Amino acid sequence: MKAGHAYEAHGCSQLLPMDVRRIRQHLLSSNNIAGLETYILVIMAIKGFLRPDELVTTKVENFIPSLFIEHNGRVTGMVFKVKGKSDETWRY
């Protein structure tokens, strides 16, 4: 335990590319919006190096639409803000 903090270490397991492909196949094979939304959250967590608690507390207000990248009417890049456990300010 870190001095003065209620810190509890948790194990971490990483996803391999094969795991991500299987998750994608499973979620998108359902052919519904919930599967797509869940897959987008998985990709956000991977690309943003987010911890589970950071991902599940992400809100619509965390997205910055004025900084989204569009190409031919499709969003190809998104910007969102997150505050990690040791961050004092928002990170984009």
Protein backbone atom coordinates (compact mmCIF):
# COMPACT_ATOMS: atom_id res chain seq x y z
CA MET A 1 0.00 0.00 0.00
CA LYS A 2 1.32 3.46 -0.89
CA ALA A 3 1.92 5.71 2.08
CA GLY A 4 -1.12 7.82 2.86
CA HIS A 5 -3.25 6.47 0.03
CA ALA A 6 -5.84 3.73 -0.13
CA TYR A 7 -4.11 2.09 -3.08
CA GLU A 8 -4.94 -1.44 -4.06
CA ALA A 9 -3.01 -3.07 -6.91
CA HIS A 10 -5.05 -4.97 -9.47
CA GLY A 11 -3.87 -7.43 -12.04
CA CYS A 12 -3.86 -6.44 -15.67
CA SER A 13 -4.43 -8.58 -18.71
CA GLN A 14 -3.76 -7.25 -22.17
CA LEU A 15 -5.72 -7.96 -25.31
CA LEU A 16 -3.80 -9.49 -28.17
CA PRO A 17 -4.68 -8.57 -31.77
CA MET A 18 -6.31 -12.00 -32.13
CA ASP A 19 -8.52 -11.22 -29.10
CA VAL A 20 -9.59 -7.88 -30.60
CA ARG A 21 -10.49 -9.59 -33.90
CA ARG A 22 -12.61 -12.14 -32.03
CA ILE A 23 -14.34 -9.42 -30.03
CA ARG A 24 -15.02 -7.48 -33.24
CA GLN A 25 -16.40 -10.56 -35.00
CA HIS A 26 -18.67 -11.41 -32.08
CA LEU A 27 -19.98 -7.87 -31.51
CA LEU A 28 -20.54 -6.98 -35.16
CA SER A 29 -22.09 -10.34 -36.07
CA SER A 30 -25.07 -9.43 -33.90
CA ASN A 31 -25.88 -6.75 -36.50
CA ASN A 32 -27.32 -4.33 -33.95
CA ILE A 33 -26.41 -0.89 -32.69
CA ALA A 34 -25.52 -2.14 -29.19
CA GLY A 35 -22.82 -4.40 -30.63
CA LEU A 36 -21.42 -1.54 -32.73
CA GLU A 37 -21.42 0.83 -29.76
CA THR A 38 -19.63 -1.73 -27.59
CA TYR A 39 -17.01 -2.32 -30.28
CA ILE A 40 -16.41 1.43 -30.57
CA LEU A 41 -15.86 1.58 -26.80
CA VAL A 42 -13.34 -1.27 -27.03
CA ILE A 43 -11.43 0.56 -29.78
CA MET A 44 -11.54 3.82 -27.80
CA ALA A 45 -10.09 2.08 -24.76
CA ILE A 46 -7.31 0.52 -26.81
CA LYS A 47 -6.38 3.64 -28.80
CA GLY A 48 -6.62 5.93 -25.78
CA PHE A 49 -4.82 3.56 -23.39
CA LEU A 50 -7.83 3.95 -21.08
CA ARG A 51 -8.27 2.07 -17.85
CA PRO A 52 -11.68 0.43 -17.39
CA ASP A 53 -12.78 3.07 -14.85
CA GLU A 54 -11.83 5.85 -17.28
CA LEU A 55 -13.76 4.22 -20.08
CA VAL A 56 -16.97 3.57 -18.15
CA THR A 57 -17.07 7.15 -16.85
CA THR A 58 -16.68 8.66 -20.34
CA LYS A 59 -19.68 10.85 -21.15
CA VAL A 60 -20.96 12.48 -24.32
CA GLU A 61 -19.64 15.76 -22.92
CA ASN A 62 -16.10 14.31 -23.08
CA PHE A 63 -16.19 14.37 -26.90
CA ILE A 64 -15.09 17.50 -28.76
CA PRO A 65 -17.12 17.49 -32.03
CA SER A 66 -15.38 20.60 -33.38
CA LEU A 67 -12.16 18.55 -33.53
CA PHE A 68 -13.64 15.49 -35.27
CA ILE A 69 -12.10 14.60 -38.63
CA GLU A 70 -14.52 13.94 -41.49
CA HIS A 71 -13.80 12.54 -44.93
CA ASN A 72 -16.53 12.09 -47.55
CA GLY A 73 -19.24 12.50 -44.92
CA ARG A 74 -17.77 9.86 -42.59
CA VAL A 75 -16.11 10.51 -39.26
CA THR A 76 -12.57 9.14 -39.48
CA GLY A 77 -11.19 10.62 -36.28
CA MET A 78 -12.60 11.74 -32.95
CA VAL A 79 -11.18 13.72 -30.04
CA PHE A 80 -12.27 13.18 -26.47
CA LYS A 81 -10.96 14.32 -23.13
CA VAL A 82 -10.06 12.10 -20.22
CA LYS A 83 -8.65 12.71 -16.77
CA GLY A 84 -6.48 9.82 -15.58
CA LYS A 85 -6.05 8.87 -11.96
CA SER A 86 -2.88 10.97 -11.61
CA ASP A 87 -3.89 13.81 -13.97
CA GLU A 88 -4.76 17.19 -12.53
CA THR A 89 -6.08 18.50 -15.84
CA TRP A 90 -7.96 17.02 -18.78
CA ARG A 91 -5.96 15.25 -21.50
CA TYR A 92 -7.10 15.23 -25.14
